Amino acid sequence: MFIYVADGLLSGDLPYADRWDHKGPMIYLVDALGRMLTPGSRAGINLLEMLSFLLCGALAFLTLRPAFGRTAAGIAVISGGVLVAGFLGRGKLTEEWALLPQFAALFLFARIGATPGSRGAAISLLAIGALGAAAFLLRPNLVGLWLAIGAA
């Protein structure tokens, strides 16, 4: 369904008006980008999915390494990746696309602790907010991480 709406978006149709689905608009934009990379094929979406997971792993490692060391961070990222792959199965879920903004927000939040009150911290907070908006546009009920960051 996501690809159907994304294809309509690429051909000038309006999501929710010309082609309807009940998911947030960001999933159609992601799929449209993948379809633009490889027209008529799912390969572009698969490529974006793989790049997203690799970036999530890198961000998780960079976030965990200062607190736990390289070995523990590496083991955590590898075991977490295996578990997530098992949960997601064949993929193509809105939740998987929200992982990248979530890991990016955690990475930026961890860096703020090193230099609170700096200009870089302010820019990081702005980026965290933008990442929260992106996740909200994927699936509104995934805002828990940003609520926790705000509370902290």
N, C-alpha and C. Protein backbone atom coordinates (compact mmCIF):
# COMPACT_ATOMS: atom_id res chain seq x y z
N MET A 1 0.81 -1.19 0.00
CA MET A 1 0.00 0.00 0.00
C MET A 1 0.86 1.26 0.00
N PHE A 2 1.97 1.20 0.76
CA PHE A 2 2.85 2.37 0.82
C PHE A 2 3.41 2.70 -0.57
N ILE A 3 3.80 1.66 -1.30
CA ILE A 3 4.36 1.87 -2.63
C ILE A 3 3.29 2.40 -3.58
N TYR A 4 2.08 1.91 -3.45
CA TYR A 4 0.97 2.39 -4.29
C TYR A 4 0.77 3.89 -4.10
N VAL A 5 0.75 4.35 -2.85
CA VAL A 5 0.57 5.78 -2.58
C VAL A 5 1.81 6.55 -3.03
N ALA A 6 3.01 6.00 -2.81
CA ALA A 6 4.24 6.66 -3.24
C ALA A 6 4.30 6.80 -4.75
N ASP A 7 3.89 5.77 -5.48
CA ASP A 7 3.85 5.86 -6.94
C ASP A 7 2.88 6.94 -7.38
N GLY A 8 1.74 7.03 -6.71
CA GLY A 8 0.79 8.09 -7.02
C GLY A 8 1.37 9.46 -6.74
N LEU A 9 2.12 9.59 -5.66
CA LEU A 9 2.78 10.84 -5.32
C LEU A 9 3.75 11.25 -6.42
N LEU A 10 4.50 10.29 -6.94
CA LEU A 10 5.45 10.58 -8.02
C LEU A 10 4.76 10.95 -9.33
N SER A 11 3.53 10.48 -9.51
CA SER A 11 2.80 10.81 -10.74
C SER A 11 1.88 12.01 -10.58
N GLY A 12 1.97 12.68 -9.42
CA GLY A 12 1.20 13.91 -9.23
C GLY A 12 -0.07 13.77 -8.43
N ASP A 13 -0.38 12.56 -7.97
CA ASP A 13 -1.56 12.38 -7.13
C ASP A 13 -1.30 12.92 -5.73
N LEU A 14 -2.36 13.24 -5.05
CA LEU A 14 -2.26 13.72 -3.67
C LEU A 14 -2.55 12.58 -2.70
N PRO A 15 -1.64 12.37 -1.73
CA PRO A 15 -1.95 11.35 -0.72
C PRO A 15 -3.20 11.74 0.04
N TYR A 16 -3.97 10.77 0.45
CA TYR A 16 -5.21 10.92 1.22
C TYR A 16 -6.37 11.45 0.38
N ALA A 17 -6.12 12.06 -0.77
CA ALA A 17 -7.21 12.55 -1.62
C ALA A 17 -7.39 11.62 -2.81
N ASP A 18 -6.31 11.42 -3.58
CA ASP A 18 -6.38 10.57 -4.76
C ASP A 18 -6.09 9.10 -4.45
N ARG A 19 -5.17 8.89 -3.53
CA ARG A 19 -4.83 7.53 -3.09
C ARG A 19 -4.79 7.55 -1.58
N TRP A 20 -5.60 6.70 -0.97
CA TRP A 20 -5.76 6.80 0.47
C TRP A 20 -5.16 5.61 1.19
N ASP A 21 -4.51 5.93 2.28
CA ASP A 21 -4.07 4.96 3.27
C ASP A 21 -4.07 5.69 4.60
N HIS A 22 -4.04 4.99 5.69
CA HIS A 22 -4.18 5.61 7.00
C HIS A 22 -2.86 5.89 7.72
N LYS A 23 -1.74 5.71 7.07
CA LYS A 23 -0.44 5.94 7.71
C LYS A 23 -0.03 7.40 7.58
N GLY A 24 1.01 7.76 8.34
CA GLY A 24 1.53 9.13 8.28
C GLY A 24 2.20 9.41 6.95
N PRO A 25 2.31 10.67 6.57
CA PRO A 25 2.80 11.02 5.24
C PRO A 25 4.28 10.72 4.99
N MET A 26 5.09 10.63 6.02
CA MET A 26 6.53 10.45 5.81
C MET A 26 6.85 9.11 5.15
N ILE A 27 6.07 8.07 5.44
CA ILE A 27 6.35 6.75 4.85
C ILE A 27 6.21 6.80 3.33
N TYR A 28 5.28 7.60 2.84
CA TYR A 28 5.11 7.70 1.39
C TYR A 28 6.26 8.47 0.77
N LEU A 29 6.78 9.46 1.47
CA LEU A 29 7.93 10.22 0.96
C LEU A 29 9.18 9.35 0.90
N VAL A 30 9.38 8.51 1.92
CA VAL A 30 10.52 7.60 1.93
C VAL A 30 10.41 6.61 0.78
N ASP A 31 9.23 6.02 0.62
CA ASP A 31 9.04 5.06 -0.48
C ASP A 31 9.15 5.75 -1.84
N ALA A 32 8.67 6.97 -1.95
CA ALA A 32 8.80 7.70 -3.21
C ALA A 32 10.26 7.95 -3.54
N LEU A 33 11.06 8.28 -2.53
CA LEU A 33 12.50 8.47 -2.76
C LEU A 33 13.13 7.17 -3.24
N GLY A 34 12.78 6.06 -2.62
CA GLY A 34 13.29 4.77 -3.06
C GLY A 34 12.87 4.43 -4.48
N ARG A 35 11.63 4.74 -4.83
CA ARG A 35 11.15 4.48 -6.19
C ARG A 35 11.83 5.38 -7.20
N MET A 36 12.19 6.60 -6.78
CA MET A 36 12.93 7.50 -7.68
C MET A 36 14.33 6.95 -7.96
N LEU A 37 14.93 6.30 -6.97
CA LEU A 37 16.28 5.75 -7.15
C LEU A 37 16.28 4.60 -8.15
N THR A 38 15.25 3.75 -8.09
CA THR A 38 15.14 2.61 -8.99
C THR A 38 13.70 2.50 -9.47
N PRO A 39 13.32 3.28 -10.49
CA PRO A 39 11.93 3.29 -10.96
C PRO A 39 11.44 1.89 -11.34
N GLY A 40 10.23 1.58 -10.90
CA GLY A 40 9.62 0.30 -11.25
C GLY A 40 10.13 -0.87 -10.43
N SER A 41 10.93 -0.61 -9.43
CA SER A 41 11.52 -1.69 -8.64
C SER A 41 11.49 -1.32 -7.16
N ARG A 42 11.52 -2.33 -6.32
CA ARG A 42 11.61 -2.11 -4.87
C ARG A 42 13.05 -2.00 -4.41
N ALA A 43 13.99 -2.15 -5.30
CA ALA A 43 15.41 -2.17 -4.92
C ALA A 43 15.84 -0.87 -4.25
N GLY A 44 15.33 0.25 -4.70
CA GLY A 44 15.69 1.53 -4.08
C GLY A 44 15.20 1.63 -2.66
N ILE A 45 14.00 1.13 -2.41
CA ILE A 45 13.46 1.12 -1.05
C ILE A 45 14.29 0.18 -0.18
N ASN A 46 14.65 -0.98 -0.72
CA ASN A 46 15.50 -1.92 0.02
C ASN A 46 16.86 -1.30 0.34
N LEU A 47 17.41 -0.56 -0.61
CA LEU A 47 18.70 0.10 -0.40
C LEU A 47 18.58 1.14 0.72
N LEU A 48 17.54 1.95 0.69
CA LEU A 48 17.33 2.93 1.75
C LEU A 48 17.15 2.26 3.11
N GLU A 49 16.45 1.14 3.11
CA GLU A 49 16.23 0.39 4.34
C GLU A 49 17.56 -0.11 4.90
N MET A 50 18.41 -0.65 4.05
CA MET A 50 19.71 -1.16 4.48
C MET A 50 20.60 -0.02 4.99
N LEU A 51 20.61 1.09 4.26
CA LEU A 51 21.40 2.25 4.71
C LEU A 51 20.90 2.78 6.04
N SER A 52 19.59 2.79 6.22
CA SER A 52 19.01 3.25 7.48
C SER A 52 19.46 2.36 8.64
N PHE A 53 19.44 1.05 8.45
CA PHE A 53 19.87 0.14 9.51
C PHE A 53 21.36 0.29 9.81
N LEU A 54 22.17 0.46 8.77
CA LEU A 54 23.61 0.66 8.98
C LEU A 54 23.88 1.95 9.75
N LEU A 55 23.17 3.01 9.40
CA LEU A 55 23.33 4.27 10.13
C LEU A 55 22.85 4.14 11.58
N CYS A 56 21.77 3.39 11.79
CA CYS A 56 21.30 3.15 13.16
C CYS A 56 22.37 2.44 13.97
N GLY A 57 22.98 1.43 13.39
CA GLY A 57 24.05 0.70 14.08
C GLY A 57 25.23 1.59 14.41
N ALA A 58 25.63 2.42 13.44
CA ALA A 58 26.75 3.33 13.66
C ALA A 58 26.43 4.34 14.76
N LEU A 59 25.24 4.91 14.72
CA LEU A 59 24.84 5.88 15.75
C LEU A 59 24.74 5.22 17.12
N ALA A 60 24.22 4.02 17.17
CA ALA A 60 24.12 3.30 18.45
C ALA A 60 25.52 3.05 19.01
N PHE A 61 26.44 2.61 18.15
CA PHE A 61 27.81 2.36 18.59
C PHE A 61 28.46 3.64 19.11
N LEU A 62 28.31 4.73 18.35
CA LEU A 62 28.92 6.00 18.77
C LEU A 62 28.29 6.55 20.04
N THR A 63 27.03 6.24 20.28
CA THR A 63 26.37 6.69 21.50
C THR A 63 26.81 5.87 22.71
N LEU A 64 26.95 4.56 22.54
CA LEU A 64 27.27 3.67 23.64
C LEU A 64 28.76 3.62 23.97
N ARG A 65 29.63 3.82 22.99
CA ARG A 65 31.07 3.65 23.18
C ARG A 65 31.65 4.50 24.30
N PRO A 66 31.34 5.80 24.40
CA PRO A 66 31.96 6.58 25.48
C PRO A 66 31.62 6.06 26.89
N ALA A 67 30.43 5.56 27.08
CA ALA A 67 30.02 5.11 28.41
C ALA A 67 30.44 3.68 28.72
N PHE A 68 30.49 2.81 27.69
CA PHE A 68 30.69 1.39 27.94
C PHE A 68 31.93 0.79 27.29
N GLY A 69 32.59 1.52 26.42
CA GLY A 69 33.77 0.99 25.74
C GLY A 69 33.42 0.34 24.41
N ARG A 70 34.46 0.14 23.61
CA ARG A 70 34.25 -0.39 22.25
C ARG A 70 33.69 -1.79 22.23
N THR A 71 34.21 -2.66 23.07
CA THR A 71 33.77 -4.06 23.03
C THR A 71 32.30 -4.19 23.42
N ALA A 72 31.93 -3.61 24.54
CA ALA A 72 30.53 -3.71 24.99
C ALA A 72 29.59 -3.03 24.00
N ALA A 73 30.00 -1.88 23.47
CA ALA A 73 29.16 -1.19 22.49
C ALA A 73 28.99 -2.04 21.23
N GLY A 74 30.06 -2.66 20.78
CA GLY A 74 29.99 -3.51 19.59
C GLY A 74 29.09 -4.71 19.80
N ILE A 75 29.22 -5.35 20.96
CA ILE A 75 28.36 -6.51 21.26
C ILE A 75 26.90 -6.07 21.34
N ALA A 76 26.65 -4.94 21.97
CA ALA A 76 25.27 -4.45 22.09
C ALA A 76 24.67 -4.15 20.72
N VAL A 77 25.44 -3.52 19.86
CA VAL A 77 24.93 -3.17 18.53
C VAL A 77 24.66 -4.41 17.70
N ILE A 78 25.57 -5.36 17.74
CA ILE A 78 25.39 -6.60 16.95
C ILE A 78 24.20 -7.40 17.47
N SER A 79 24.13 -7.59 18.79
CA SER A 79 23.01 -8.37 19.33
C SER A 79 21.69 -7.62 19.15
N GLY A 80 21.70 -6.31 19.31
CA GLY A 80 20.49 -5.53 19.07
C GLY A 80 20.05 -5.61 17.62
N GLY A 81 21.00 -5.58 16.70
CA GLY A 81 20.68 -5.70 15.28
C GLY A 81 20.05 -7.03 14.94
N VAL A 82 20.57 -8.09 15.55
CA VAL A 82 20.00 -9.43 15.31
C VAL A 82 18.58 -9.50 15.85
N LEU A 83 18.36 -8.95 17.04
CA LEU A 83 17.02 -8.97 17.63
C LEU A 83 16.03 -8.15 16.80
N VAL A 84 16.45 -6.96 16.39
CA VAL A 84 15.55 -6.11 15.59
C VAL A 84 15.23 -6.78 14.26
N ALA A 85 16.23 -7.41 13.64
CA ALA A 85 15.98 -8.10 12.38
C ALA A 85 14.96 -9.21 12.57
N GLY A 86 15.02 -9.90 13.70
CA GLY A 86 14.04 -10.95 13.99
C GLY A 86 12.64 -10.40 14.20
N PHE A 87 12.54 -9.25 14.87
CA PHE A 87 11.23 -8.64 15.10
C PHE A 87 10.61 -8.12 13.82
N LEU A 88 11.43 -7.52 12.99
CA LEU A 88 10.90 -6.87 11.79
C LEU A 88 10.60 -7.85 10.67
N GLY A 89 11.21 -9.01 10.71
CA GLY A 89 10.94 -10.00 9.67
C GLY A 89 11.33 -9.49 8.29
N ARG A 90 10.36 -9.38 7.42
CA ARG A 90 10.62 -8.97 6.05
C ARG A 90 10.73 -7.46 5.91
N GLY A 91 10.49 -6.72 6.96
CA GLY A 91 10.65 -5.27 6.91
C GLY A 91 9.45 -4.56 6.32
N LYS A 92 9.71 -3.36 5.82
CA LYS A 92 8.70 -2.50 5.19
C LYS A 92 7.63 -2.04 6.18
N LEU A 93 8.02 -1.79 7.43
CA LEU A 93 7.10 -1.32 8.45
C LEU A 93 7.42 0.13 8.80
N THR A 94 6.42 0.89 9.19
CA THR A 94 6.67 2.28 9.56
C THR A 94 7.60 2.39 10.76
N GLU A 95 7.52 1.43 11.67
CA GLU A 95 8.37 1.46 12.87
C GLU A 95 9.85 1.40 12.52
N GLU A 96 10.20 0.66 11.50
CA GLU A 96 11.62 0.54 11.16
C GLU A 96 12.19 1.86 10.66
N TRP A 97 11.38 2.65 9.96
CA TRP A 97 11.88 3.93 9.46
C TRP A 97 12.03 4.93 10.59
N ALA A 98 11.33 4.74 11.69
CA ALA A 98 11.46 5.64 12.84
C ALA A 98 12.71 5.34 13.66
N LEU A 99 13.36 4.21 13.43
CA LEU A 99 14.56 3.89 14.19
C LEU A 99 15.68 4.90 13.94
N LEU A 100 15.84 5.34 12.70
CA LEU A 100 16.93 6.27 12.41
C LEU A 100 16.75 7.61 13.13
N PRO A 101 15.58 8.26 13.08
CA PRO A 101 15.44 9.47 13.88
C PRO A 101 15.60 9.23 15.38
N GLN A 102 15.18 8.06 15.86
CA GLN A 102 15.32 7.77 17.27
C GLN A 102 16.79 7.64 17.67
N PHE A 103 17.57 6.89 16.91
CA PHE A 103 18.98 6.74 17.23
C PHE A 103 19.74 8.05 17.05
N ALA A 104 19.36 8.83 16.04
CA ALA A 104 20.01 10.12 15.84
C ALA A 104 19.70 11.05 17.01
N ALA A 105 18.47 11.04 17.50
CA ALA A 105 18.11 11.88 18.64
C ALA A 105 18.86 11.45 19.90
N LEU A 106 18.99 10.15 20.13
CA LEU A 106 19.75 9.67 21.28
C LEU A 106 21.21 10.06 21.19
N PHE A 107 21.78 9.95 20.00
CA PHE A 107 23.18 10.34 19.79
C PHE A 107 23.37 11.82 20.10
N LEU A 108 22.49 12.66 19.56
CA LEU A 108 22.61 14.10 19.79
C LEU A 108 22.38 14.44 21.26
N PHE A 109 21.42 13.78 21.91
CA PHE A 109 21.15 14.05 23.31
C PHE A 109 22.35 13.67 24.18
N ALA A 110 22.99 12.55 23.87
CA ALA A 110 24.17 12.13 24.63
C ALA A 110 25.31 13.13 24.48
N ARG A 111 25.43 13.73 23.30
CA ARG A 111 26.49 14.72 23.07
C ARG A 111 26.21 16.03 23.79
N ILE A 112 24.96 16.37 24.02
CA ILE A 112 24.62 17.61 24.71
C ILE A 112 25.18 17.59 26.13
N GLY A 113 25.18 16.42 26.76
CA GLY A 113 25.69 16.31 28.13
C GLY A 113 27.14 16.74 28.27
N ALA A 114 27.91 16.62 27.19
CA ALA A 114 29.33 17.00 27.25
C ALA A 114 29.52 18.51 27.22
N THR A 115 28.63 19.23 26.56
CA THR A 115 28.76 20.69 26.44
C THR A 115 27.42 21.38 26.61
N PRO A 116 26.80 21.27 27.79
CA PRO A 116 25.50 21.92 27.97
C PRO A 116 25.64 23.44 27.90
N GLY A 117 24.64 24.10 27.35
CA GLY A 117 24.64 25.55 27.27
C GLY A 117 25.44 26.13 26.11
N SER A 118 26.08 25.31 25.32
CA SER A 118 26.87 25.81 24.20
C SER A 118 25.99 26.01 22.97
N ARG A 119 26.56 26.66 21.97
CA ARG A 119 25.83 26.85 20.72
C ARG A 119 25.55 25.49 20.04
N GLY A 120 26.52 24.59 20.13
CA GLY A 120 26.33 23.25 19.58
C GLY A 120 25.19 22.51 20.25
N ALA A 121 25.04 22.71 21.57
CA ALA A 121 23.93 22.08 22.29
C ALA A 121 22.60 22.62 21.80
N ALA A 122 22.53 23.91 21.55
CA ALA A 122 21.29 24.51 21.06
C ALA A 122 20.94 23.97 19.68
N ILE A 123 21.94 23.83 18.83
CA ILE A 123 21.71 23.27 17.49
C ILE A 123 21.27 21.81 17.60
N SER A 124 21.89 21.07 18.52
CA SER A 124 21.50 19.67 18.73
C SER A 124 20.05 19.57 19.20
N LEU A 125 19.63 20.46 20.09
CA LEU A 125 18.24 20.45 20.56
C LEU A 125 17.27 20.75 19.42
N LEU A 126 17.65 21.67 18.56
CA LEU A 126 16.81 21.98 17.39
C LEU A 126 16.72 20.76 16.47
N ALA A 127 17.85 20.09 16.25
CA ALA A 127 17.85 18.89 15.41
C ALA A 127 17.03 17.77 16.05
N ILE A 128 17.11 17.63 17.37
CA ILE A 128 16.31 16.62 18.07
C ILE A 128 14.83 16.89 17.86
N GLY A 129 14.43 18.15 17.91
CA GLY A 129 13.04 18.51 17.65
C GLY A 129 12.61 18.17 16.24
N ALA A 130 13.47 18.46 15.26
CA ALA A 130 13.16 18.14 13.86
C ALA A 130 13.05 16.63 13.67
N LEU A 131 13.93 15.87 14.32
CA LEU A 131 13.86 14.41 14.23
C LEU A 131 12.57 13.89 14.87
N GLY A 132 12.14 14.53 15.94
CA GLY A 132 10.87 14.16 16.57
C GLY A 132 9.70 14.42 15.64
N ALA A 133 9.76 15.53 14.91
CA ALA A 133 8.69 15.83 13.95
C ALA A 133 8.66 14.78 12.84
N ALA A 134 9.84 14.37 12.37
CA ALA A 134 9.89 13.34 11.32
C ALA A 134 9.30 12.02 11.82
N ALA A 135 9.64 11.64 13.04
CA ALA A 135 9.09 10.40 13.60
C ALA A 135 7.59 10.51 13.78
N PHE A 136 7.12 11.68 14.20
CA PHE A 136 5.69 11.90 14.37
C PHE A 136 4.96 11.76 13.04
N LEU A 137 5.57 12.23 11.96
CA LEU A 137 4.96 12.11 10.64
C LEU A 137 5.00 10.68 10.11
N LEU A 138 5.87 9.86 10.67
CA LEU A 138 5.87 8.44 10.33
C LEU A 138 4.77 7.72 11.09
N ARG A 139 4.75 7.95 12.39
CA ARG A 139 3.76 7.28 13.24
C ARG A 139 3.65 8.07 14.53
N PRO A 140 2.54 8.74 14.74
CA PRO A 140 2.40 9.66 15.88
C PRO A 140 2.64 9.03 17.25
N ASN A 141 2.40 7.74 17.41
CA ASN A 141 2.57 7.15 18.74
C ASN A 141 4.02 6.80 19.06
N LEU A 142 4.95 7.19 18.21
CA LEU A 142 6.36 6.92 18.46
C LEU A 142 7.09 8.11 19.09
N VAL A 143 6.38 9.00 19.73
CA VAL A 143 6.99 10.21 20.28
C VAL A 143 7.50 10.01 21.71
N GLY A 144 7.42 8.82 22.25
CA GLY A 144 7.83 8.57 23.63
C GLY A 144 9.27 8.94 23.90
N LEU A 145 10.17 8.66 22.97
CA LEU A 145 11.57 8.98 23.17
C LEU A 145 11.75 10.49 23.33
N TRP A 146 11.07 11.27 22.53
CA TRP A 146 11.21 12.73 22.60
C TRP A 146 10.57 13.27 23.88
N LEU A 147 9.52 12.64 24.36
CA LEU A 147 8.95 13.02 25.65
C LEU A 147 9.95 12.74 26.78
N ALA A 148 10.64 11.61 26.69
CA ALA A 148 11.66 11.27 27.69
C ALA A 148 12.83 12.24 27.63
N ILE A 149 13.27 12.60 26.44
CA ILE A 149 14.35 13.59 26.31
C ILE A 149 13.92 14.92 26.89
N GLY A 150 12.69 15.33 26.60
CA GLY A 150 12.18 16.58 27.15
C GLY A 150 12.11 16.55 28.67
N ALA A 151 11.71 15.42 29.23
CA ALA A 151 11.64 15.29 30.68
C ALA A 151 13.02 15.31 31.31
N ALA A 152 13.99 14.73 30.62
CA ALA A 152 15.37 14.71 31.14
C ALA A 152 16.01 16.08 31.04
